[in-house]
Amino acid sequence: MTDRTVRVSVRILEKEYQVACLPEERSELLDSAEFLNAKMREIRDSGNVIGLDRIAVLAGLNLANELLKIRSHGGAGNEVAPRIRQMREQVEAALAKGQQLDL
């Protein structure tokens, strides 16, 4: 965490994660977490998938599929890719920290 980053608390499937981001990215991070939470709830509530890991993987695959469709139709994929990579790293860091807390 640098001097400029702030900790943001996000809640995904009733589990809280602390994620570091720049202050100007806080709103986008919260929007992303809310969007991910909605996708994961949708998958969980379908009743076809059990387990947080599997729900997260399916949500990630669905979102990646949507992104690839946008890219193939001339979307702004080149601008989005670095941001998605950064967000993925933030989510992975939060999940790793959450797994450590569960032990």
Protein backbone atom coordinates (compact mmCIF):
# COMPACT_ATOMS: atom_id res chain seq x y z
CA MET A 1 0.00 0.00 0.00
CA THR A 2 1.43 3.38 -0.96
CA ASP A 3 0.97 6.69 0.83
CA ARG A 4 -1.87 7.60 -1.50
CA THR A 5 -3.91 4.40 -1.23
CA VAL A 6 -6.88 3.99 1.03
CA ARG A 7 -8.51 0.86 2.40
CA VAL A 8 -12.01 0.22 1.17
CA SER A 9 -14.31 -2.35 2.70
CA VAL A 10 -16.45 -4.30 0.22
CA ARG A 11 -19.02 -6.98 0.95
CA ILE A 12 -19.45 -9.89 -1.45
CA LEU A 13 -21.83 -12.73 -0.61
CA GLU A 14 -22.04 -11.73 3.04
CA LYS A 15 -18.26 -11.72 3.39
CA GLU A 16 -16.26 -8.56 3.96
CA TYR A 17 -13.00 -7.81 2.17
CA GLN A 18 -10.54 -4.95 2.65
CA VAL A 19 -9.13 -3.70 -0.65
CA ALA A 20 -6.54 -0.97 -1.20
CA CYS A 21 -7.03 1.54 -3.98
CA LEU A 22 -6.33 5.13 -4.86
CA PRO A 23 -8.85 7.61 -3.45
CA GLU A 24 -10.03 8.60 -6.93
CA GLU A 25 -10.75 4.93 -7.74
CA ARG A 26 -12.85 4.27 -4.61
CA SER A 27 -16.20 4.86 -6.29
CA GLU A 28 -15.32 2.60 -9.23
CA LEU A 29 -14.13 -0.12 -6.85
CA LEU A 30 -17.38 0.02 -4.89
CA ASP A 31 -19.40 -0.11 -8.11
CA SER A 32 -17.34 -3.08 -9.31
CA ALA A 33 -17.81 -4.92 -6.01
CA GLU A 34 -21.56 -4.29 -6.13
CA PHE A 35 -21.72 -5.55 -9.71
CA LEU A 36 -19.67 -8.66 -8.85
CA ASN A 37 -21.81 -9.29 -5.78
CA ALA A 38 -24.97 -9.14 -7.90
CA LYS A 39 -23.51 -11.58 -10.45
CA MET A 40 -22.40 -13.98 -7.74
CA ARG A 41 -25.79 -13.81 -5.98
CA GLU A 42 -27.50 -14.54 -9.28
CA ILE A 43 -25.37 -17.67 -9.72
CA ARG A 44 -25.80 -18.75 -6.09
CA ASP A 45 -29.56 -18.19 -6.14
CA SER A 46 -29.94 -20.33 -9.26
CA GLY A 47 -29.22 -23.28 -6.98
CA ASN A 48 -27.07 -25.01 -9.60
CA VAL A 49 -23.69 -24.10 -8.07
CA ILE A 50 -22.55 -24.67 -4.52
CA GLY A 51 -19.42 -23.24 -2.94
CA LEU A 52 -17.96 -19.76 -2.91
CA ASP A 53 -14.96 -20.74 -5.04
CA ARG A 54 -17.12 -22.22 -7.79
CA ILE A 55 -19.51 -19.28 -7.73
CA ALA A 56 -16.56 -16.86 -8.00
CA VAL A 57 -15.04 -18.79 -10.91
CA LEU A 58 -18.35 -18.91 -12.79
CA ALA A 59 -18.93 -15.19 -12.20
CA GLY A 60 -15.40 -14.48 -13.45
CA LEU A 61 -15.94 -16.61 -16.53
CA ASN A 62 -19.26 -14.92 -17.28
CA LEU A 63 -17.74 -11.46 -16.92
CA ALA A 64 -14.71 -12.42 -19.03
CA ASN A 65 -17.06 -13.76 -21.70
CA GLU A 66 -19.02 -10.49 -21.71
CA LEU A 67 -15.75 -8.53 -22.01
CA LEU A 68 -14.54 -10.66 -24.91
CA LYS A 69 -17.86 -10.15 -26.71
CA ILE A 70 -17.49 -6.39 -26.28
CA ARG A 71 -13.91 -6.53 -27.58
CA SER A 72 -14.87 -8.56 -30.62
CA HIS A 73 -17.47 -5.93 -31.53
CA GLY A 74 -14.91 -3.11 -31.54
CA GLY A 75 -15.35 -2.08 -27.91
CA ALA A 76 -12.72 -0.30 -25.87
CA GLY A 77 -10.99 -3.54 -24.83
CA ASN A 78 -7.48 -2.15 -24.97
CA GLU A 79 -8.37 0.56 -22.46
CA VAL A 80 -10.28 -1.85 -20.23
CA ALA A 81 -7.70 -4.66 -20.00
CA PRO A 82 -5.23 -2.91 -17.64
CA ARG A 83 -8.06 -1.84 -15.34
CA ILE A 84 -9.50 -5.34 -15.23
CA ARG A 85 -6.05 -6.76 -14.49
CA GLN A 86 -5.64 -4.29 -11.63
CA MET A 87 -9.08 -5.12 -10.25
CA ARG A 88 -8.39 -8.86 -10.53
CA GLU A 89 -5.18 -8.40 -8.54
CA GLN A 90 -7.08 -6.43 -5.89
CA VAL A 91 -9.75 -9.12 -5.63
CA GLU A 92 -7.13 -11.87 -5.42
CA ALA A 93 -5.31 -9.99 -2.66
CA ALA A 94 -8.56 -9.52 -0.75
CA LEU A 95 -9.48 -13.19 -1.15
CA ALA A 96 -6.02 -14.26 0.01
CA LYS A 97 -6.34 -12.08 3.07
CA GLY A 98 -9.85 -13.40 3.75
CA GLN A 99 -8.65 -16.99 3.49
CA GLN A 100 -5.90 -16.26 5.99
CA LEU A 101 -8.45 -14.86 8.42
CA ASP A 102 -10.63 -17.96 8.13
CA LEU A 103 -7.84 -20.32 9.25
